[in-house]
């Protein structure tokens, strides 16, 4: 039996690297080369957009990693049809949290895997999974939002919170099938797929 292909995570995210490390599998991280602005997202549902971004990240490094099994993931926040990305600044984070305060939003985390073929000429097989978590935020005062943003500086997080850290205090209810998806990579579904393609996961 041939050995499974090397795993490559198409991400520079510290959060995703730490999550994948929890599985005890060997992998490397490679920065994706995806121009997100070039993707056609017009008229698509948030779940479709997240999946498109995840697959795009994995596909973007395929020329660099032709013999690897590549994992791509992305995450978006949706509230009443409006998408929230990474805030990028203090003001952006305050504005996002203000819009989410006292309301329920969806945190959509998609993962895509491009499975290496047995032979180099074989076509890639792709696997996609999306996890939708319903997040209900407490009603927050402006002062509470400012203090949180000052402390955690969640400028690289969609929705402007770090749930795995102090961000948990912002919420009164979370409905999810996979807590790891909240941080950025749905490990429960990913483990099942990796095992199905003979990657040993303890």
N, C-alpha and C. Protein backbone atom coordinates (compact mmCIF):
# COMPACT_ATOMS: atom_id res chain seq x y z
N UNK A 1 0.85 -1.19 0.00
CA UNK A 1 0.00 0.00 0.00
C UNK A 1 0.89 1.25 0.00
N UNK A 2 0.56 2.20 -0.90
CA UNK A 2 1.37 3.41 -0.97
C UNK A 2 1.10 4.31 0.21
N UNK A 3 2.09 5.10 0.56
CA UNK A 3 1.94 6.03 1.68
C UNK A 3 1.08 7.21 1.24
N UNK A 4 0.32 7.79 2.17
CA UNK A 4 -0.49 8.96 1.81
C UNK A 4 0.40 10.15 1.46
N UNK A 5 -0.11 11.02 0.61
CA UNK A 5 0.66 12.19 0.20
C UNK A 5 0.88 13.12 1.38
N UNK A 6 1.92 13.94 1.27
CA UNK A 6 2.21 14.93 2.30
C UNK A 6 1.06 15.93 2.40
N UNK A 7 0.78 16.36 3.61
CA UNK A 7 -0.27 17.35 3.84
C UNK A 7 0.31 18.76 3.80
N UNK A 8 -0.39 19.65 3.12
CA UNK A 8 -0.01 21.06 3.08
C UNK A 8 -1.24 21.89 3.43
N UNK A 9 -1.08 22.78 4.38
CA UNK A 9 -2.14 23.71 4.77
C UNK A 9 -1.92 25.02 4.05
N UNK A 10 -2.88 25.40 3.21
CA UNK A 10 -2.77 26.63 2.44
C UNK A 10 -3.20 27.81 3.31
N UNK A 11 -2.34 28.19 4.23
CA UNK A 11 -2.71 29.24 5.18
C UNK A 11 -1.47 29.76 5.90
N UNK A 12 -1.53 31.03 6.28
CA UNK A 12 -0.53 31.61 7.17
C UNK A 12 -1.14 31.90 8.54
N UNK A 13 -2.38 31.45 8.75
CA UNK A 13 -3.10 31.72 10.00
C UNK A 13 -2.50 30.93 11.16
N UNK A 14 -2.15 31.64 12.22
CA UNK A 14 -1.66 30.98 13.43
C UNK A 14 -2.75 30.09 14.02
N UNK A 15 -3.99 30.55 13.95
CA UNK A 15 -5.11 29.80 14.53
C UNK A 15 -5.30 28.46 13.81
N UNK A 16 -5.27 28.48 12.48
CA UNK A 16 -5.47 27.23 11.73
C UNK A 16 -4.28 26.29 11.91
N UNK A 17 -3.10 26.85 11.98
CA UNK A 17 -1.92 25.99 12.20
C UNK A 17 -2.02 25.30 13.55
N UNK A 18 -2.41 26.03 14.57
CA UNK A 18 -2.55 25.42 15.89
C UNK A 18 -3.65 24.36 15.92
N UNK A 19 -4.76 24.63 15.22
CA UNK A 19 -5.84 23.66 15.18
C UNK A 19 -5.39 22.37 14.50
N UNK A 20 -4.77 22.48 13.34
CA UNK A 20 -4.35 21.28 12.62
C UNK A 20 -3.29 20.52 13.41
N UNK A 21 -2.46 21.23 14.15
CA UNK A 21 -1.44 20.58 14.98
C UNK A 21 -2.05 19.68 16.04
N UNK A 22 -3.27 19.98 16.46
CA UNK A 22 -3.94 19.17 17.48
C UNK A 22 -4.19 17.74 17.01
N UNK A 23 -4.20 17.52 15.70
CA UNK A 23 -4.48 16.18 15.18
C UNK A 23 -3.28 15.25 15.24
N UNK A 24 -2.10 15.79 15.47
CA UNK A 24 -0.91 14.94 15.53
C UNK A 24 -0.44 14.44 14.18
N UNK A 25 -0.79 15.16 13.11
CA UNK A 25 -0.35 14.76 11.77
C UNK A 25 0.73 15.72 11.29
N UNK A 26 1.62 15.22 10.46
CA UNK A 26 2.68 16.05 9.90
C UNK A 26 2.12 16.89 8.75
N UNK A 27 2.47 18.17 8.72
CA UNK A 27 2.02 19.03 7.62
C UNK A 27 2.94 20.24 7.53
N UNK A 28 2.86 20.91 6.40
CA UNK A 28 3.56 22.18 6.19
C UNK A 28 2.54 23.26 5.86
N UNK A 29 2.91 24.50 6.14
CA UNK A 29 2.06 25.63 5.79
C UNK A 29 2.66 26.38 4.60
N UNK A 30 1.83 26.71 3.65
CA UNK A 30 2.25 27.50 2.49
C UNK A 30 1.23 28.63 2.30
N UNK A 31 1.71 29.83 2.09
CA UNK A 31 0.82 30.97 1.92
C UNK A 31 0.02 30.84 0.63
N UNK A 32 -1.31 30.95 0.71
CA UNK A 32 -2.11 30.89 -0.52
C UNK A 32 -1.84 32.10 -1.40
N UNK A 33 -2.04 31.92 -2.69
CA UNK A 33 -1.81 32.99 -3.66
C UNK A 33 -3.11 33.33 -4.37
N UNK A 34 -4.15 33.56 -3.57
CA UNK A 34 -5.48 33.80 -4.11
C UNK A 34 -5.80 35.29 -4.10
N UNK A 35 -6.21 35.79 -5.24
CA UNK A 35 -6.73 37.15 -5.34
C UNK A 35 -8.23 37.06 -5.12
N UNK A 36 -8.67 37.30 -3.88
CA UNK A 36 -10.07 37.12 -3.54
C UNK A 36 -10.99 38.03 -4.35
N UNK A 37 -10.46 39.18 -4.75
CA UNK A 37 -11.28 40.12 -5.51
C UNK A 37 -11.61 39.58 -6.90
N UNK A 38 -10.83 38.61 -7.36
CA UNK A 38 -11.05 38.06 -8.71
C UNK A 38 -12.16 37.00 -8.74
N UNK A 39 -12.60 36.54 -7.57
CA UNK A 39 -13.62 35.50 -7.52
C UNK A 39 -15.01 36.09 -7.81
N UNK A 40 -15.81 35.34 -8.55
CA UNK A 40 -17.16 35.78 -8.86
C UNK A 40 -18.10 35.34 -7.75
N UNK A 41 -18.42 36.26 -6.85
CA UNK A 41 -19.30 35.94 -5.72
C UNK A 41 -20.69 36.57 -5.88
N UNK A 42 -20.91 37.24 -6.98
CA UNK A 42 -22.17 37.93 -7.20
C UNK A 42 -23.36 36.96 -7.15
N UNK A 43 -24.33 37.27 -6.30
CA UNK A 43 -25.54 36.47 -6.22
C UNK A 43 -25.40 35.16 -5.47
N UNK A 44 -24.24 34.87 -4.92
CA UNK A 44 -24.03 33.61 -4.21
C UNK A 44 -24.42 33.73 -2.74
N UNK A 45 -24.85 32.62 -2.17
CA UNK A 45 -25.16 32.56 -0.76
C UNK A 45 -23.86 32.57 0.05
N UNK A 46 -23.91 33.03 1.32
CA UNK A 46 -22.69 33.05 2.14
C UNK A 46 -21.98 31.71 2.24
N UNK A 47 -22.72 30.60 2.35
CA UNK A 47 -22.08 29.28 2.42
C UNK A 47 -21.32 28.99 1.14
N UNK A 48 -21.87 29.36 0.00
CA UNK A 48 -21.19 29.16 -1.28
C UNK A 48 -19.92 29.99 -1.36
N UNK A 49 -19.99 31.22 -0.87
CA UNK A 49 -18.83 32.11 -0.94
C UNK A 49 -17.69 31.56 -0.08
N UNK A 50 -18.01 31.11 1.12
CA UNK A 50 -16.98 30.55 2.00
C UNK A 50 -16.33 29.33 1.35
N UNK A 51 -17.14 28.46 0.75
CA UNK A 51 -16.59 27.27 0.08
C UNK A 51 -15.72 27.66 -1.11
N UNK A 52 -16.15 28.66 -1.86
CA UNK A 52 -15.39 29.12 -3.02
C UNK A 52 -14.03 29.67 -2.58
N UNK A 53 -14.01 30.40 -1.48
CA UNK A 53 -12.75 30.94 -0.96
C UNK A 53 -11.82 29.84 -0.47
N UNK A 54 -12.39 28.85 0.23
CA UNK A 54 -11.57 27.75 0.73
C UNK A 54 -10.95 26.96 -0.41
N UNK A 55 -11.77 26.65 -1.41
CA UNK A 55 -11.26 25.90 -2.57
C UNK A 55 -10.27 26.73 -3.36
N UNK A 56 -10.53 28.03 -3.46
CA UNK A 56 -9.60 28.90 -4.17
C UNK A 56 -8.23 28.96 -3.51
N UNK A 57 -8.21 28.99 -2.19
CA UNK A 57 -6.93 28.99 -1.47
C UNK A 57 -6.15 27.71 -1.74
N UNK A 58 -6.84 26.57 -1.64
CA UNK A 58 -6.17 25.30 -1.89
C UNK A 58 -5.66 25.22 -3.32
N UNK A 59 -6.49 25.63 -4.27
CA UNK A 59 -6.12 25.55 -5.69
C UNK A 59 -4.97 26.48 -6.04
N UNK A 60 -4.86 27.59 -5.30
CA UNK A 60 -3.86 28.60 -5.65
C UNK A 60 -2.43 28.11 -5.47
N UNK A 61 -2.22 27.11 -4.60
CA UNK A 61 -0.86 26.62 -4.40
C UNK A 61 -0.63 25.26 -5.06
N UNK A 62 -1.62 24.80 -5.82
CA UNK A 62 -1.49 23.51 -6.49
C UNK A 62 -0.27 23.45 -7.40
N UNK A 63 0.05 24.49 -8.18
CA UNK A 63 1.25 24.42 -9.03
C UNK A 63 2.54 24.28 -8.22
N UNK A 64 2.54 24.76 -6.98
CA UNK A 64 3.74 24.68 -6.14
C UNK A 64 3.85 23.35 -5.40
N UNK A 65 2.72 22.68 -5.22
CA UNK A 65 2.67 21.45 -4.42
C UNK A 65 1.95 20.35 -5.20
N UNK A 66 2.51 19.94 -6.36
CA UNK A 66 1.79 19.01 -7.24
C UNK A 66 1.59 17.61 -6.68
N UNK A 67 2.37 17.23 -5.67
CA UNK A 67 2.25 15.87 -5.15
C UNK A 67 1.65 15.82 -3.74
N UNK A 68 1.18 16.96 -3.25
CA UNK A 68 0.66 17.03 -1.89
C UNK A 68 -0.86 16.98 -1.86
N UNK A 69 -1.39 16.62 -0.70
CA UNK A 69 -2.81 16.81 -0.41
C UNK A 69 -2.94 18.16 0.28
N UNK A 70 -3.74 19.03 -0.31
CA UNK A 70 -3.77 20.43 0.10
C UNK A 70 -5.08 20.77 0.81
N UNK A 71 -4.95 21.44 1.96
CA UNK A 71 -6.10 21.86 2.75
C UNK A 71 -6.23 23.38 2.67
N UNK A 72 -7.40 23.85 2.30
CA UNK A 72 -7.68 25.29 2.31
C UNK A 72 -8.90 25.56 3.17
N UNK A 73 -8.94 26.71 3.81
CA UNK A 73 -10.08 27.02 4.66
C UNK A 73 -10.32 28.52 4.67
N UNK A 74 -11.57 28.89 4.85
CA UNK A 74 -11.90 30.30 4.98
C UNK A 74 -13.13 30.45 5.86
N UNK A 75 -13.33 31.66 6.30
CA UNK A 75 -14.36 31.92 7.29
C UNK A 75 -14.98 33.29 7.04
N UNK A 76 -16.30 33.35 7.06
CA UNK A 76 -16.98 34.63 6.90
C UNK A 76 -18.10 34.74 7.93
N UNK A 77 -18.46 35.96 8.23
CA UNK A 77 -19.57 36.24 9.13
C UNK A 77 -20.69 36.84 8.31
N UNK A 78 -21.89 36.33 8.52
CA UNK A 78 -23.06 36.84 7.80
C UNK A 78 -24.15 37.21 8.78
N UNK A 79 -24.74 38.37 8.58
CA UNK A 79 -25.87 38.81 9.40
C UNK A 79 -26.89 39.46 8.49
N UNK A 80 -28.05 38.83 8.42
CA UNK A 80 -29.15 39.30 7.59
C UNK A 80 -28.71 39.57 6.15
N UNK A 81 -27.92 38.63 5.63
CA UNK A 81 -27.48 38.72 4.23
C UNK A 81 -26.26 39.58 3.99
N UNK A 82 -25.79 40.28 5.01
CA UNK A 82 -24.60 41.14 4.86
C UNK A 82 -23.37 40.40 5.36
N UNK A 83 -22.29 40.46 4.60
CA UNK A 83 -21.07 39.76 4.95
C UNK A 83 -20.10 40.69 5.68
N UNK A 84 -19.45 40.16 6.71
CA UNK A 84 -18.43 40.90 7.43
C UNK A 84 -17.10 40.15 7.29
N UNK A 85 -16.09 40.84 6.82
CA UNK A 85 -14.77 40.25 6.71
C UNK A 85 -13.89 40.67 7.87
N UNK A 86 -12.59 40.68 7.66
CA UNK A 86 -11.66 41.13 8.69
C UNK A 86 -11.74 42.65 8.80
N UNK A 87 -11.85 43.18 10.02
CA UNK A 87 -12.05 44.63 10.15
C UNK A 87 -10.82 45.45 9.76
N UNK A 88 -9.63 44.94 10.07
CA UNK A 88 -8.41 45.62 9.65
C UNK A 88 -7.98 46.81 10.47
N UNK A 89 -8.84 47.33 11.34
CA UNK A 89 -8.49 48.52 12.12
C UNK A 89 -9.34 48.56 13.39
N UNK A 90 -8.94 49.44 14.31
CA UNK A 90 -9.70 49.62 15.54
C UNK A 90 -11.13 50.07 15.24
N UNK A 91 -11.26 51.08 14.40
CA UNK A 91 -12.59 51.58 14.08
C UNK A 91 -13.44 50.51 13.39
N UNK A 92 -12.82 49.77 12.48
CA UNK A 92 -13.55 48.71 11.79
C UNK A 92 -14.05 47.66 12.76
N UNK A 93 -13.23 47.30 13.75
CA UNK A 93 -13.63 46.31 14.74
C UNK A 93 -14.78 46.83 15.61
N UNK A 94 -14.67 48.08 16.05
CA UNK A 94 -15.74 48.67 16.87
C UNK A 94 -17.04 48.72 16.07
N UNK A 95 -16.97 49.10 14.82
CA UNK A 95 -18.17 49.18 13.99
C UNK A 95 -18.81 47.80 13.81
N UNK A 96 -17.99 46.77 13.57
CA UNK A 96 -18.53 45.43 13.40
C UNK A 96 -19.20 44.94 14.68
N UNK A 97 -18.54 45.09 15.80
CA UNK A 97 -19.12 44.62 17.06
C UNK A 97 -20.38 45.39 17.42
N UNK A 98 -20.42 46.66 17.08
CA UNK A 98 -21.63 47.45 17.32
C UNK A 98 -22.80 46.89 16.51
N UNK A 99 -22.52 46.50 15.27
CA UNK A 99 -23.58 45.96 14.41
C UNK A 99 -24.02 44.57 14.85
N UNK A 100 -23.16 43.82 15.55
CA UNK A 100 -23.49 42.47 16.00
C UNK A 100 -24.09 42.44 17.41
N UNK A 101 -23.90 43.51 18.16
CA UNK A 101 -24.34 43.56 19.56
C UNK A 101 -25.83 43.27 19.71
N UNK A 102 -26.15 42.30 20.59
CA UNK A 102 -27.53 41.97 20.88
C UNK A 102 -28.24 41.20 19.79
N UNK A 103 -27.50 40.69 18.82
CA UNK A 103 -28.12 40.03 17.67
C UNK A 103 -27.46 38.66 17.43
N UNK A 104 -28.13 37.85 16.61
CA UNK A 104 -27.60 36.53 16.24
C UNK A 104 -27.07 36.59 14.80
N UNK A 105 -25.85 36.10 14.62
CA UNK A 105 -25.28 36.06 13.28
C UNK A 105 -24.77 34.64 13.00
N UNK A 106 -24.43 34.40 11.75
CA UNK A 106 -23.88 33.11 11.34
C UNK A 106 -22.39 33.25 11.09
N UNK A 107 -21.63 32.33 11.69
CA UNK A 107 -20.20 32.22 11.43
C UNK A 107 -20.01 30.99 10.54
N UNK A 108 -19.61 31.22 9.31
CA UNK A 108 -19.52 30.14 8.32
C UNK A 108 -18.05 29.80 8.08
N UNK A 109 -17.70 28.55 8.35
CA UNK A 109 -16.33 28.09 8.19
C UNK A 109 -16.31 26.97 7.16
N UNK A 110 -15.59 27.18 6.08
CA UNK A 110 -15.50 26.18 5.02
C UNK A 110 -14.09 25.60 4.96
N UNK A 111 -14.01 24.32 4.64
CA UNK A 111 -12.72 23.66 4.43
C UNK A 111 -12.79 22.89 3.13
N UNK A 112 -11.72 22.98 2.36
CA UNK A 112 -11.61 22.25 1.09
C UNK A 112 -10.32 21.45 1.11
N UNK A 113 -10.37 20.26 0.57
CA UNK A 113 -9.18 19.42 0.45
C UNK A 113 -9.03 18.97 -0.99
N UNK A 114 -7.86 19.21 -1.56
CA UNK A 114 -7.52 18.69 -2.88
C UNK A 114 -6.65 17.46 -2.66
N UNK A 115 -7.19 16.30 -2.94
CA UNK A 115 -6.49 15.04 -2.68
C UNK A 115 -5.56 14.70 -3.83
N UNK A 116 -4.31 14.42 -3.49
CA UNK A 116 -3.34 14.03 -4.50
C UNK A 116 -3.71 12.67 -5.08
N UNK A 117 -3.52 12.50 -6.40
CA UNK A 117 -3.78 11.23 -7.05
C UNK A 117 -2.66 10.23 -6.80
N UNK A 118 -2.92 8.98 -7.13
CA UNK A 118 -1.88 7.95 -6.97
C UNK A 118 -0.73 8.18 -7.94
N UNK A 119 -1.03 8.77 -9.09
CA UNK A 119 -0.01 9.08 -10.08
C UNK A 119 -0.11 10.55 -10.44
N UNK A 120 1.02 11.18 -10.81
CA UNK A 120 1.02 12.63 -11.05
C UNK A 120 0.01 13.08 -12.10
N UNK A 121 -0.28 12.24 -13.10
CA UNK A 121 -1.17 12.66 -14.18
C UNK A 121 -2.64 12.55 -13.82
N UNK A 122 -2.95 11.95 -12.68
CA UNK A 122 -4.33 11.77 -12.30
C UNK A 122 -4.98 13.09 -11.89
N UNK A 123 -6.25 13.23 -12.21
CA UNK A 123 -6.98 14.44 -11.84
C UNK A 123 -7.15 14.50 -10.32
N UNK A 124 -7.16 15.71 -9.79
CA UNK A 124 -7.37 15.89 -8.36
C UNK A 124 -8.82 15.62 -7.99
N UNK A 125 -8.99 15.05 -6.82
CA UNK A 125 -10.32 14.92 -6.24
C UNK A 125 -10.47 16.01 -5.19
N UNK A 126 -11.62 16.67 -5.17
CA UNK A 126 -11.82 17.73 -4.18
C UNK A 126 -12.93 17.34 -3.22
N UNK A 127 -12.79 17.80 -1.99
CA UNK A 127 -13.77 17.57 -0.93
C UNK A 127 -14.05 18.91 -0.28
N UNK A 128 -15.33 19.20 -0.06
CA UNK A 128 -15.73 20.47 0.54
C UNK A 128 -16.67 20.22 1.71
N UNK A 129 -16.48 21.00 2.75
CA UNK A 129 -17.38 20.93 3.90
C UNK A 129 -17.54 22.33 4.47
N UNK A 130 -18.77 22.66 4.86
CA UNK A 130 -19.03 23.95 5.49
C UNK A 130 -19.75 23.75 6.81
N UNK A 131 -19.31 24.48 7.80
CA UNK A 131 -19.91 24.44 9.13
C UNK A 131 -20.54 25.80 9.40
N UNK A 132 -21.81 25.80 9.78
CA UNK A 132 -22.51 27.06 10.08
C UNK A 132 -22.83 27.10 11.57
N UNK A 133 -22.24 28.07 12.25
CA UNK A 133 -22.46 28.25 13.69
C UNK A 133 -23.31 29.49 13.91
N UNK A 134 -24.34 29.36 14.73
CA UNK A 134 -25.18 30.50 15.09
C UNK A 134 -24.65 31.11 16.40
N UNK A 135 -24.28 32.37 16.33
CA UNK A 135 -23.64 33.06 17.44
C UNK A 135 -24.55 34.21 17.90
N UNK A 136 -24.97 34.15 19.14
CA UNK A 136 -25.81 35.22 19.69
C UNK A 136 -24.97 36.07 20.65
N UNK A 137 -24.79 37.32 20.31
CA UNK A 137 -23.94 38.22 21.10
C UNK A 137 -24.77 38.95 22.15
N UNK A 138 -24.17 39.17 23.30
CA UNK A 138 -24.82 39.97 24.33
C UNK A 138 -25.02 41.40 23.83
N UNK A 139 -25.97 42.10 24.45
CA UNK A 139 -26.11 43.53 24.18
C UNK A 139 -24.95 44.25 24.88
N UNK A 140 -24.09 44.86 24.10
CA UNK A 140 -22.86 45.46 24.62
C UNK A 140 -22.93 46.98 24.56
N UNK A 141 -22.41 47.61 25.60
CA UNK A 141 -22.32 49.07 25.58
C UNK A 141 -21.11 49.47 24.73
N UNK A 142 -21.07 50.74 24.35
CA UNK A 142 -19.93 51.23 23.57
C UNK A 142 -18.63 51.07 24.37
N UNK A 143 -18.71 51.32 25.67
CA UNK A 143 -17.51 51.18 26.50
C UNK A 143 -17.01 49.75 26.55
N UNK A 144 -17.92 48.80 26.64
CA UNK A 144 -17.53 47.39 26.67
C UNK A 144 -16.86 46.99 25.36
N UNK A 145 -17.41 47.48 24.26
CA UNK A 145 -16.81 47.17 22.95
C UNK A 145 -15.43 47.77 22.84
N UNK A 146 -15.28 49.02 23.23
CA UNK A 146 -13.98 49.69 23.17
C UNK A 146 -12.94 48.95 24.02
N UNK A 147 -13.34 48.55 25.24
CA UNK A 147 -12.39 47.86 26.12
C UNK A 147 -11.97 46.52 25.52
N UNK A 148 -12.93 45.82 24.94
CA UNK A 148 -12.59 44.52 24.33
C UNK A 148 -11.63 44.71 23.16
N UNK A 149 -11.92 45.64 22.28
CA UNK A 149 -11.07 45.86 21.11
C UNK A 149 -9.68 46.32 21.54
N UNK A 150 -9.60 47.20 22.54
CA UNK A 150 -8.30 47.65 23.03
C UNK A 150 -7.48 46.48 23.56
N UNK A 151 -8.14 45.57 24.26
CA UNK A 151 -7.41 44.44 24.86
C UNK A 151 -7.00 43.40 23.83
N UNK A 152 -7.94 43.00 22.96
CA UNK A 152 -7.69 41.83 22.11
C UNK A 152 -7.22 42.17 20.70
N UNK A 153 -7.50 43.38 20.24
CA UNK A 153 -7.09 43.82 18.90
C UNK A 153 -7.43 42.76 17.83
N UNK A 154 -8.72 42.46 17.66
CA UNK A 154 -9.12 41.38 16.76
C UNK A 154 -9.21 41.82 15.30
N UNK A 155 -8.18 42.51 14.83
CA UNK A 155 -8.26 43.13 13.51
C UNK A 155 -8.15 42.13 12.37
N UNK A 156 -7.66 40.90 12.66
CA UNK A 156 -7.50 39.90 11.61
C UNK A 156 -8.58 38.82 11.70
N UNK A 157 -9.66 39.10 12.41
CA UNK A 157 -10.71 38.10 12.64
C UNK A 157 -12.04 38.58 12.07
N UNK A 158 -12.64 37.79 11.22
CA UNK A 158 -13.97 38.12 10.70
C UNK A 158 -14.95 38.24 11.86
N UNK A 159 -15.68 39.34 11.90
CA UNK A 159 -16.59 39.58 13.01
C UNK A 159 -15.98 40.30 14.17
N UNK A 160 -14.65 40.45 14.19
CA UNK A 160 -13.94 41.24 15.20
C UNK A 160 -13.96 40.64 16.59
N UNK A 161 -13.88 39.30 16.68
CA UNK A 161 -13.77 38.68 18.00
C UNK A 161 -12.90 37.43 17.92
N UNK A 162 -12.28 37.11 19.06
CA UNK A 162 -11.48 35.89 19.19
C UNK A 162 -12.17 35.02 20.23
N UNK A 163 -13.03 34.15 19.74
CA UNK A 163 -13.85 33.34 20.63
C UNK A 163 -13.01 32.43 21.51
N UNK A 164 -11.86 31.99 20.99
CA UNK A 164 -11.01 31.07 21.75
C UNK A 164 -10.27 31.78 22.88
N UNK A 165 -10.34 33.09 22.92
CA UNK A 165 -9.68 33.88 23.97
C UNK A 165 -10.77 34.66 24.73
N UNK A 166 -10.53 35.96 24.98
CA UNK A 166 -11.49 36.73 25.76
C UNK A 166 -12.80 36.97 25.03
N UNK A 167 -12.83 36.76 23.74
CA UNK A 167 -14.04 36.99 22.97
C UNK A 167 -15.24 36.20 23.43
N UNK A 168 -15.00 35.12 24.16
CA UNK A 168 -16.12 34.31 24.64
C UNK A 168 -17.05 35.11 25.56
N UNK A 169 -16.53 36.14 26.22
CA UNK A 169 -17.37 36.92 27.14
C UNK A 169 -18.40 37.76 26.40
N UNK A 170 -18.24 37.90 25.09
CA UNK A 170 -19.16 38.72 24.32
C UNK A 170 -20.48 38.00 24.02
N UNK A 171 -20.52 36.68 24.26
CA UNK A 171 -21.64 35.89 23.77
C UNK A 171 -22.51 35.33 24.89
N UNK A 172 -23.80 35.19 24.57
CA UNK A 172 -24.71 34.56 25.52
C UNK A 172 -25.20 33.20 25.03
N UNK A 173 -25.01 32.91 23.73
CA UNK A 173 -25.44 31.61 23.22
C UNK A 173 -24.68 31.28 21.93
N UNK A 174 -24.27 30.00 21.83
CA UNK A 174 -23.58 29.52 20.63
C UNK A 174 -24.15 28.17 20.26
N UNK A 175 -24.53 28.02 19.00
CA UNK A 175 -25.08 26.76 18.51
C UNK A 175 -24.19 26.24 17.40
N UNK A 176 -23.48 25.11 17.66
CA UNK A 176 -22.52 24.60 16.69
C UNK A 176 -22.43 23.08 16.76
N UNK A 177 -22.06 22.47 15.65
CA UNK A 177 -21.79 21.04 15.61
C UNK A 177 -20.31 20.74 15.84
N UNK A 178 -19.47 21.78 15.75
CA UNK A 178 -18.02 21.57 15.86
C UNK A 178 -17.37 22.84 16.42
N UNK A 179 -17.04 22.86 17.71
CA UNK A 179 -16.44 24.06 18.31
C UNK A 179 -15.16 24.53 17.62
N UNK A 180 -14.39 23.60 17.04
CA UNK A 180 -13.15 24.00 16.39
C UNK A 180 -13.41 24.85 15.15
N UNK A 181 -14.58 24.73 14.55
CA UNK A 181 -14.91 25.54 13.38
C UNK A 181 -14.95 27.02 13.72
N UNK A 182 -15.30 27.34 14.96
CA UNK A 182 -15.39 28.74 15.37
C UNK A 182 -14.02 29.41 15.27
N UNK A 183 -12.98 28.66 15.58
CA UNK A 183 -11.63 29.21 15.53
C UNK A 183 -11.07 29.25 14.12
N UNK A 184 -11.61 28.41 13.21
CA UNK A 184 -11.17 28.55 11.83
C UNK A 184 -10.98 27.29 11.02
N UNK A 185 -11.16 26.09 11.62
CA UNK A 185 -10.97 24.86 10.85
C UNK A 185 -11.84 23.76 11.47
N UNK A 186 -12.85 23.26 10.74
CA UNK A 186 -13.75 22.24 11.30
C UNK A 186 -13.06 20.88 11.41
N UNK A 187 -12.48 20.61 12.56
CA UNK A 187 -11.64 19.42 12.71
C UNK A 187 -12.44 18.12 12.69
N UNK A 188 -13.66 18.12 13.20
CA UNK A 188 -14.41 16.86 13.26
C UNK A 188 -14.63 16.31 11.86
N UNK A 189 -15.11 17.15 10.95
CA UNK A 189 -15.33 16.71 9.57
C UNK A 189 -14.00 16.42 8.88
N UNK A 190 -12.99 17.24 9.14
CA UNK A 190 -11.69 17.06 8.49
C UNK A 190 -11.06 15.73 8.88
N UNK A 191 -11.13 15.37 10.15
CA UNK A 191 -10.58 14.10 10.61
C UNK A 191 -11.24 12.93 9.87
N UNK A 192 -12.55 12.98 9.76
CA UNK A 192 -13.27 11.90 9.07
C UNK A 192 -12.79 11.76 7.63
N UNK A 193 -12.57 12.89 6.95
CA UNK A 193 -12.12 12.81 5.57
C UNK A 193 -10.68 12.30 5.48
N UNK A 194 -9.80 12.81 6.32
CA UNK A 194 -8.40 12.37 6.27
C UNK A 194 -8.29 10.87 6.53
N UNK A 195 -9.08 10.37 7.45
CA UNK A 195 -9.08 8.93 7.71
C UNK A 195 -9.58 8.14 6.50
N UNK A 196 -10.53 8.72 5.77
CA UNK A 196 -11.08 8.02 4.61
C UNK A 196 -10.08 7.92 3.47
N UNK A 197 -9.06 8.80 3.46
CA UNK A 197 -8.04 8.71 2.42
C UNK A 197 -6.71 8.21 2.99
N UNK A 198 -6.82 7.49 4.12
CA UNK A 198 -5.70 6.74 4.69
C UNK A 198 -4.64 7.59 5.34
N UNK A 199 -5.00 8.81 5.78
CA UNK A 199 -4.08 9.58 6.62
C UNK A 199 -4.33 9.17 8.06
N UNK A 200 -3.33 8.62 8.70
CA UNK A 200 -3.49 8.14 10.06
C UNK A 200 -3.67 9.31 11.02
N UNK A 201 -4.81 9.36 11.67
CA UNK A 201 -5.09 10.38 12.68
C UNK A 201 -5.38 9.63 13.98
N UNK A 202 -4.52 9.78 14.99
CA UNK A 202 -4.69 9.02 16.24
C UNK A 202 -6.08 9.25 16.85
